[in-house]
Amino acid sequence: MKVGVPKEIKTHEYRVGLTPGAVREYVAAGHSVAVETNAGAGIGATDEDYRKAGAILLGSASEVFGSSEMIVKVKEPQPSEWTQLRENQILFTYLHLAPDAEQAKGLLKSGCTAIAYETVTDVYGGLPLLAPMSEVAGRLSIEAAGAALKRYAGGRGLLIGGVPGVQPARIVVIGGGVVGTHAARIAVGLGAEVTMLDRSIARLRVLDELFGGRVRTRFSTIDAVEEEVFAADVVVGAVLVPGASAPRLVTRKMLSSMRKGAVIVDVAIDQGGCFETSRPTTHAEPTYELDGVIHYCVANMPGAVPLTSSHALNNATLPFGLALANKGFAAVLENQHLRAGLNVYRGRLTYKAVAESLGLPYSPIDQAAA
């Protein structure tokens, strides 16, 4: 199969769909890989590195899109990219379609087959292609919070871990999944006072055991969320409903009762965000202030550490990408985990949660492929 890797164009996105090592695996499996010039610059991978791995270097994204049967990216296609997709072409990348009607319509119009990293599953019921970036984003959320808490950034002027005799920051993590767990791990390591909220008693038991009493856990109710948010210096939104828009758990009204200079880090912003006042920001302008509360809502957080992120992502995506290259769309029909990743097929939405979030018709894959 002819596989294409365009350079990422989202603001301050430095990751790359395939590392040179991953390209070598595709070539060894009998596939050709076209890589746009300088696509790997963000991770320090030169064009020569890609040539040595067996890639064909092309000078523009249009050449990559035009010559490839499958496009492997990191972030969702931007408007100038989705217009270059075509029928029978496979797109393998993060999509996050639920809050993005324009992208969804663009993909539907293109007629392409779009498989989303974030909804591919595994035998354990997990989301293996989302997990590595969730780990990175969870850890970065505390770094972002620490920067935003500084007084010159508009925050409370508080050191996350405090010092002997001075209270550390109170950090509340809403959601006990991969993002929340890694956020809590870093926050605890810095000496913060951490509370985690989740609606799964079983998960709260796991977290209690994991952190050995160093993290307070609470069952997530409206009352519990209000109590913890109002007392927090930092609130990390780490709620995920696979494929669907994130639930809005913190309302605009609640902001007025939060501490002035407190920080919200909405890691769920790719799925619309779990704070009513969240709107996507970029690494160039990562924060904004509303009602005295600093909001950090960068939609591609792991893009700030592309060397770590690209390799972690490629480690996870490689087996699935090779399956698609080896068998094409047949791999989706044969593999239930890739099938779970199928969001768009020949002008139809094939992921129910996305269709419901967008208010568009849903076509089960069996019907869409008939």
Protein backbone atom coordinates (compact mmCIF):
# COMPACT_ATOMS: atom_id res chain seq x y z
CA MET A 1 0.00 0.00 0.00
CA LYS A 2 1.06 3.59 -0.62
CA VAL A 3 1.19 5.31 2.79
CA GLY A 4 1.50 9.09 3.18
CA VAL A 5 2.74 11.21 6.08
CA PRO A 6 2.08 14.97 5.72
CA LYS A 7 3.63 17.55 8.00
CA GLU A 8 1.29 18.55 10.84
CA ILE A 9 -0.06 22.10 10.42
CA LYS A 10 -2.07 22.74 13.57
CA THR A 11 -0.66 25.66 15.61
CA HIS A 12 2.49 24.58 17.46
CA GLU A 13 1.95 20.93 16.62
CA TYR A 14 5.38 19.32 16.35
CA ARG A 15 4.51 15.62 16.40
CA VAL A 16 4.70 13.43 13.32
CA GLY A 17 2.46 10.59 12.17
CA LEU A 18 5.30 8.14 11.56
CA THR A 19 8.80 8.28 13.03
CA PRO A 20 11.71 7.04 10.87
CA GLY A 21 11.69 3.81 12.87
CA ALA A 22 8.01 3.27 12.09
CA VAL A 23 8.60 4.02 8.41
CA ARG A 24 11.25 1.32 8.36
CA GLU A 25 8.68 -1.17 9.70
CA TYR A 26 6.19 -0.28 6.95
CA VAL A 27 8.84 -0.56 4.24
CA ALA A 28 10.03 -3.89 5.64
CA ALA A 29 6.43 -5.12 5.38
CA GLY A 30 6.41 -4.31 1.66
CA HIS A 31 4.72 -0.89 1.64
CA SER A 32 5.90 2.43 0.19
CA VAL A 33 5.88 5.48 2.44
CA ALA A 34 5.82 9.08 1.17
CA VAL A 35 6.81 11.70 3.73
CA GLU A 36 6.46 15.45 3.29
CA THR A 37 9.72 17.37 3.49
CA ASN A 38 10.51 18.49 7.07
CA ALA A 39 7.61 16.50 8.51
CA GLY A 40 9.87 15.18 11.27
CA ALA A 41 11.63 18.44 12.11
CA GLY A 42 9.71 18.82 15.35
CA ILE A 43 11.21 15.61 16.74
CA GLY A 44 14.67 16.21 15.32
CA ALA A 45 14.20 13.68 12.49
CA THR A 46 15.77 14.93 9.26
CA ASP A 47 14.73 14.18 5.71
CA GLU A 48 17.89 12.10 5.43
CA ASP A 49 16.74 10.03 8.44
CA TYR A 50 13.55 9.26 6.55
CA ARG A 51 15.42 8.44 3.35
CA LYS A 52 17.62 5.98 5.22
CA ALA A 53 14.46 4.38 6.63
CA GLY A 54 13.21 3.85 3.07
CA ALA A 55 10.78 6.75 2.68
CA ILE A 56 10.13 8.76 -0.46
CA LEU A 57 10.41 12.50 0.28
CA LEU A 58 7.83 14.79 -1.35
CA GLY A 59 7.89 18.57 -1.36
CA SER A 60 4.29 19.36 -0.44
CA ALA A 61 1.27 18.05 1.42
CA SER A 62 -0.75 18.03 -1.80
CA GLU A 63 1.72 15.57 -3.32
CA VAL A 64 1.48 13.33 -0.26
CA PHE A 65 -2.33 13.39 -0.23
CA GLY A 66 -2.54 12.95 -3.99
CA SER A 67 -0.24 9.94 -4.21
CA SER A 68 -1.24 7.96 -1.11
CA GLU A 69 -3.86 5.32 -0.45
CA MET A 70 -3.61 5.78 3.33
CA ILE A 71 -2.77 8.96 5.24
CA VAL A 72 -1.24 8.62 8.71
CA LYS A 73 -1.36 11.77 10.84
CA VAL A 74 -1.47 12.85 14.47
CA LYS A 75 -4.06 15.61 14.77
CA GLU A 76 -7.43 15.94 13.12
CA PRO A 77 -7.27 17.19 9.52
CA GLN A 78 -7.52 20.94 9.14
CA PRO A 79 -9.81 22.47 6.47
CA SER A 80 -7.03 22.61 3.88
CA GLU A 81 -6.37 18.91 4.50
CA TRP A 82 -9.85 17.42 4.53
CA THR A 83 -10.52 18.97 1.12
CA GLN A 84 -7.61 16.89 -0.23
CA LEU A 85 -9.02 13.58 0.99
CA ARG A 86 -10.89 11.42 -1.50
CA GLU A 87 -13.11 8.38 -1.82
CA ASN A 88 -11.51 5.03 -0.93
CA GLN A 89 -8.59 6.78 0.80
CA ILE A 90 -7.97 5.72 4.41
CA LEU A 91 -7.29 8.38 7.05
CA PHE A 92 -5.72 7.10 10.29
CA THR A 93 -5.35 9.79 12.96
CA TYR A 94 -6.98 11.46 15.97
CA LEU A 95 -10.33 12.92 14.90
CA HIS A 96 -12.33 14.03 17.98
CA LEU A 97 -15.39 14.61 15.80
CA ALA A 98 -18.07 14.97 18.50
CA PRO A 99 -17.53 18.72 19.10
CA ASP A 100 -16.38 19.46 15.54
CA ALA A 101 -19.29 19.51 13.11
CA GLU A 102 -17.33 21.26 10.36
CA GLN A 103 -14.63 18.61 10.27
CA ALA A 104 -17.25 15.85 10.34
CA LYS A 105 -19.04 17.38 7.37
CA GLY A 106 -15.73 17.78 5.54
CA LEU A 107 -14.83 14.13 6.04
CA LEU A 108 -18.31 12.99 5.02
CA LYS A 109 -18.12 15.05 1.85
CA SER A 110 -14.69 13.66 0.95
CA GLY A 111 -15.95 10.07 0.86
CA CYS A 112 -12.86 8.86 2.71
CA THR A 113 -12.62 6.10 5.31
CA ALA A 114 -11.64 7.78 8.60
CA ILE A 115 -10.41 5.72 11.53
CA ALA A 116 -9.96 7.58 14.81
CA TYR A 117 -7.14 6.69 17.16
CA GLU A 118 -9.27 7.71 20.13
CA THR A 119 -11.96 5.07 19.61
CA VAL A 120 -9.84 2.06 18.64
CA THR A 121 -10.18 -0.54 21.42
CA ASP A 122 -8.19 -3.48 22.78
CA VAL A 123 -8.91 -6.87 24.34
CA TYR A 124 -8.99 -5.29 27.80
CA GLY A 125 -11.73 -2.84 26.89
CA GLY A 126 -9.28 0.05 26.89
CA LEU A 127 -8.37 2.71 24.34
CA PRO A 128 -4.78 1.81 23.49
CA LEU A 129 -4.13 4.59 20.98
CA LEU A 130 -5.54 7.28 23.24
CA ALA A 131 -3.78 6.04 26.38
CA PRO A 132 -0.21 7.18 25.58
CA MET A 133 -1.30 10.74 24.81
CA SER A 134 -3.57 10.72 27.85
CA GLU A 135 -0.56 9.78 29.95
CA VAL A 136 1.42 12.67 28.49
CA ALA A 137 -1.45 15.16 28.79
CA GLY A 138 -2.17 14.14 32.38
CA ARG A 139 1.42 14.77 33.39
CA LEU A 140 1.61 18.01 31.43
CA SER A 141 -1.58 19.28 33.06
CA ILE A 142 0.22 19.77 36.36
CA GLU A 143 3.15 21.52 34.67
CA ALA A 144 0.64 23.83 32.96
CA ALA A 145 -1.16 24.45 36.25
CA GLY A 146 2.11 25.31 37.98
CA ALA A 147 2.93 27.88 35.30
CA ALA A 148 -0.55 29.40 35.35
CA LEU A 149 -0.56 29.65 39.16
CA LYS A 150 2.35 32.10 39.06
CA ARG A 151 1.31 35.63 39.93
CA TYR A 152 2.66 37.20 36.74
CA ALA A 153 0.50 34.75 34.78
CA GLY A 154 -2.62 35.86 36.65
CA GLY A 155 -2.67 33.00 39.15
CA ARG A 156 -2.73 33.00 42.93
CA GLY A 157 1.06 33.13 43.22
CA LEU A 158 1.13 29.69 44.81
CA LEU A 159 3.83 27.01 44.66
CA ILE A 160 2.20 23.64 43.99
CA GLY A 161 4.18 21.79 46.62
CA GLY A 162 4.43 24.62 49.13
CA VAL A 163 7.40 24.71 51.52
CA PRO A 164 7.74 23.57 55.15
CA GLY A 165 5.24 25.53 57.20
CA VAL A 166 3.24 26.75 54.18
CA GLN A 167 0.17 25.00 52.78
CA PRO A 168 0.66 23.40 49.32
CA ALA A 169 -1.79 23.82 46.47
CA ARG A 170 -5.12 21.99 46.64
CA ILE A 171 -5.55 20.16 43.35
CA VAL A 172 -8.83 18.53 42.35
CA VAL A 173 -8.85 16.01 39.53
CA ILE A 174 -12.26 15.24 38.03
CA GLY A 175 -12.05 11.80 36.45
CA GLY A 176 -10.05 8.80 37.59
CA GLY A 177 -9.00 7.37 34.22
CA VAL A 178 -5.61 7.53 32.52
CA VAL A 179 -5.39 11.34 32.38
CA GLY A 180 -6.54 11.78 35.96
CA THR A 181 -4.25 9.09 37.33
CA HIS A 182 -1.17 10.56 35.69
CA ALA A 183 -2.10 14.09 36.73
CA ALA A 184 -2.49 12.92 40.31
CA ARG A 185 0.82 11.04 40.15
CA ILE A 186 2.73 14.20 39.24
CA ALA A 187 0.78 16.42 41.66
CA VAL A 188 1.42 14.05 44.57
CA GLY A 189 5.08 13.83 43.62
CA LEU A 190 5.35 17.62 43.85
CA GLY A 191 3.77 17.60 47.29
CA ALA A 192 0.30 18.94 46.45
CA GLU A 193 -2.87 18.08 48.36
CA VAL A 194 -4.82 16.02 45.83
CA THR A 195 -8.46 14.95 45.63
CA MET A 196 -9.83 12.76 42.85
CA LEU A 197 -13.50 12.44 41.91
CA ASP A 198 -15.03 9.64 39.87
CA ARG A 199 -18.42 7.97 39.52
CA SER A 200 -17.04 4.43 39.66
CA ILE A 201 -16.66 2.99 43.16
CA ALA A 202 -14.51 0.22 41.70
CA ARG A 203 -12.16 2.77 40.16
CA LEU A 204 -11.98 4.75 43.41
CA ARG A 205 -10.94 1.56 45.21
CA VAL A 206 -8.17 1.04 42.66
CA LEU A 207 -7.00 4.64 43.12
CA ASP A 208 -7.00 4.29 46.91
CA GLU A 209 -4.82 1.21 46.58
CA LEU A 210 -2.58 2.79 43.94
CA PHE A 211 -1.81 5.94 45.90
CA GLY A 212 -1.73 4.35 49.33
CA GLY A 213 -3.71 7.10 51.03
CA ARG A 214 -1.72 9.98 49.51
CA VAL A 215 -4.79 11.02 47.46
CA ARG A 216 -8.30 11.65 48.80
CA THR A 217 -11.00 10.01 46.71
CA ARG A 218 -14.64 11.05 46.52
CA PHE A 219 -17.62 9.73 44.66
CA SER A 220 -18.55 12.39 42.12
CA THR A 221 -21.89 14.06 42.81
CA ILE A 222 -23.03 17.63 42.14
CA ASP A 223 -22.46 18.47 45.81
CA ALA A 224 -19.02 16.87 45.88
CA VAL A 225 -17.91 18.64 42.70
CA GLU A 226 -19.06 22.01 44.05
CA GLU A 227 -17.39 21.55 47.43
CA GLU A 228 -14.07 20.50 45.94
CA VAL A 229 -14.02 23.03 43.10
CA PHE A 230 -14.82 25.95 45.39
CA ALA A 231 -11.91 25.03 47.69
CA ALA A 232 -9.42 24.22 44.93
CA ASP A 233 -6.40 26.11 43.68
CA VAL A 234 -6.28 23.91 40.56
CA VAL A 235 -9.03 21.86 38.90
CA VAL A 236 -8.03 19.34 36.24
CA GLY A 237 -10.83 18.18 33.94
CA ALA A 238 -10.06 14.58 32.97
CA VAL A 239 -13.47 13.17 32.07
CA LEU A 240 -13.86 10.97 29.00
CA VAL A 241 -16.88 9.43 27.29
CA PRO A 242 -15.36 7.53 24.34
CA GLY A 243 -16.15 9.27 21.08
CA ALA A 244 -18.81 11.53 22.61
CA SER A 245 -18.76 15.11 23.86
CA ALA A 246 -17.46 15.47 27.40
CA PRO A 247 -20.10 16.20 30.06
CA ARG A 248 -20.10 19.77 31.39
CA LEU A 249 -19.50 19.25 35.11
CA VAL A 250 -18.47 22.77 36.17
CA THR A 251 -20.88 25.55 35.22
CA ARG A 252 -20.31 29.24 34.56
CA LYS A 253 -22.21 30.05 37.75
CA MET A 254 -19.78 27.97 39.80
CA LEU A 255 -16.84 30.11 38.67
CA SER A 256 -18.00 33.03 40.81
CA SER A 257 -17.53 30.92 43.94
CA MET A 258 -14.05 29.71 43.02
CA ARG A 259 -10.89 31.24 44.45
CA LYS A 260 -9.63 34.23 42.48
CA GLY A 261 -6.53 33.24 40.59
CA ALA A 262 -7.45 29.56 40.68
CA VAL A 263 -6.57 27.53 37.57
CA ILE A 264 -8.69 25.26 35.41
CA VAL A 265 -6.87 22.81 33.12
CA ASP A 266 -9.37 21.21 30.76
CA VAL A 267 -7.69 18.13 29.28
CA ALA A 268 -11.07 17.08 27.87
CA ILE A 269 -11.15 20.08 25.52
CA ASP A 270 -10.57 17.84 22.47
CA GLN A 271 -14.01 16.39 23.17
CA GLY A 272 -15.61 19.77 23.86
CA GLY A 273 -14.40 20.24 27.44
CA CYS A 274 -15.93 19.45 30.81
CA PHE A 275 -16.18 23.07 31.98
CA GLU A 276 -18.99 25.22 30.61
CA THR A 277 -16.59 28.14 30.16
CA SER A 278 -13.94 26.20 28.24
CA ARG A 279 -12.96 27.09 24.70
CA PRO A 280 -9.98 25.69 22.78
CA THR A 281 -6.69 27.54 23.10
CA THR A 282 -3.27 27.00 21.51
CA HIS A 283 0.30 26.67 22.72
CA ALA A 284 0.84 30.19 21.36
CA GLU A 285 -1.90 31.60 23.62
CA PRO A 286 -2.64 28.83 26.12
CA THR A 287 -4.67 30.65 28.78
CA TYR A 288 -7.42 33.18 29.27
CA GLU A 289 -9.08 34.63 32.36
CA LEU A 290 -12.81 34.56 33.08
CA ASP A 291 -14.41 35.66 36.35
CA GLY A 292 -10.97 35.72 37.95
CA VAL A 293 -10.25 32.08 37.06
CA ILE A 294 -7.40 31.17 34.71
CA HIS A 295 -8.39 28.68 31.99
CA TYR A 296 -5.82 26.47 30.25
CA CYS A 297 -7.56 24.65 27.37
CA VAL A 298 -4.88 23.73 24.84
CA ALA A 299 -6.37 21.18 22.46
CA ASN A 300 -3.09 19.45 21.56
CA MET A 301 -1.17 19.42 24.84
CA PRO A 302 1.18 16.53 23.95
CA GLY A 303 2.34 18.51 20.91
CA ALA A 304 4.52 20.53 23.28
CA VAL A 305 6.72 17.48 23.92
CA PRO A 306 6.76 15.94 20.43
CA LEU A 307 9.82 13.74 20.87
CA THR A 308 8.24 11.86 23.76
CA SER A 309 4.75 11.98 22.30
CA SER A 310 5.56 10.86 18.76
CA HIS A 311 7.50 7.81 19.86
CA ALA A 312 4.89 6.87 22.47
CA LEU A 313 2.12 7.24 19.90
CA ASN A 314 3.95 5.28 17.20
CA ASN A 315 4.62 2.43 19.60
CA ALA A 316 0.86 2.11 20.06
CA THR A 317 -0.37 2.78 16.52
CA LEU A 318 2.15 0.67 14.59
CA PRO A 319 0.39 -2.75 14.80
CA PHE A 320 -2.96 -1.23 13.78
CA GLY A 321 -1.44 0.87 10.99
CA LEU A 322 0.39 -2.15 9.58
CA ALA A 323 -2.84 -4.17 9.65
CA LEU A 324 -4.56 -1.45 7.62
CA ALA A 325 -1.66 -1.25 5.18
CA ASN A 326 -1.57 -5.03 4.78
CA LYS A 327 -5.28 -5.59 4.25
CA GLY A 328 -6.87 -2.21 3.57
CA PHE A 329 -10.50 -1.81 4.62
CA ALA A 330 -10.77 -5.58 5.06
CA ALA A 331 -8.72 -5.15 8.25
CA VAL A 332 -11.56 -3.06 9.70
CA LEU A 333 -14.12 -5.74 8.94
CA GLU A 334 -11.93 -8.53 10.36
CA ASN A 335 -10.63 -6.75 13.47
CA GLN A 336 -13.24 -5.69 16.01
CA HIS A 337 -10.83 -3.21 17.61
CA LEU A 338 -10.12 -1.38 14.36
CA ARG A 339 -13.84 -1.57 13.62
CA ALA A 340 -14.44 0.38 16.85
CA GLY A 341 -12.14 3.07 15.47
CA LEU A 342 -14.15 3.55 12.27
CA ASN A 343 -15.93 6.93 12.47
CA VAL A 344 -16.59 7.79 8.83
CA TYR A 345 -17.05 5.52 5.82
CA ARG A 346 -17.95 6.72 2.32
CA GLY A 347 -20.06 9.66 3.41
CA ARG A 348 -21.66 8.04 6.47
CA LEU A 349 -21.06 8.40 10.20
CA THR A 350 -20.40 4.94 11.60
CA TYR A 351 -19.72 5.80 15.26
CA LYS A 352 -22.94 6.16 17.24
CA ALA A 353 -21.71 8.52 19.97
CA VAL A 354 -20.33 10.92 17.36
CA ALA A 355 -23.55 10.89 15.34
CA GLU A 356 -25.63 11.53 18.46
CA SER A 357 -23.37 14.38 19.60
CA LEU A 358 -23.63 16.05 16.18
CA GLY A 359 -27.31 15.29 15.62
CA LEU A 360 -26.52 13.53 12.35
CA PRO A 361 -27.68 10.15 11.01
CA TYR A 362 -25.84 7.07 12.26
CA SER A 363 -25.05 4.16 9.94
CA PRO A 364 -23.81 0.94 11.54
CA ILE A 365 -20.83 -0.37 9.62
CA ASP A 366 -22.73 -3.43 8.45
CA GLN A 367 -25.22 -1.13 6.72
CA ALA A 368 -22.64 1.38 5.51
CA ALA A 369 -20.45 -1.30 3.95
CA ALA A 370 -23.34 -3.21 2.41
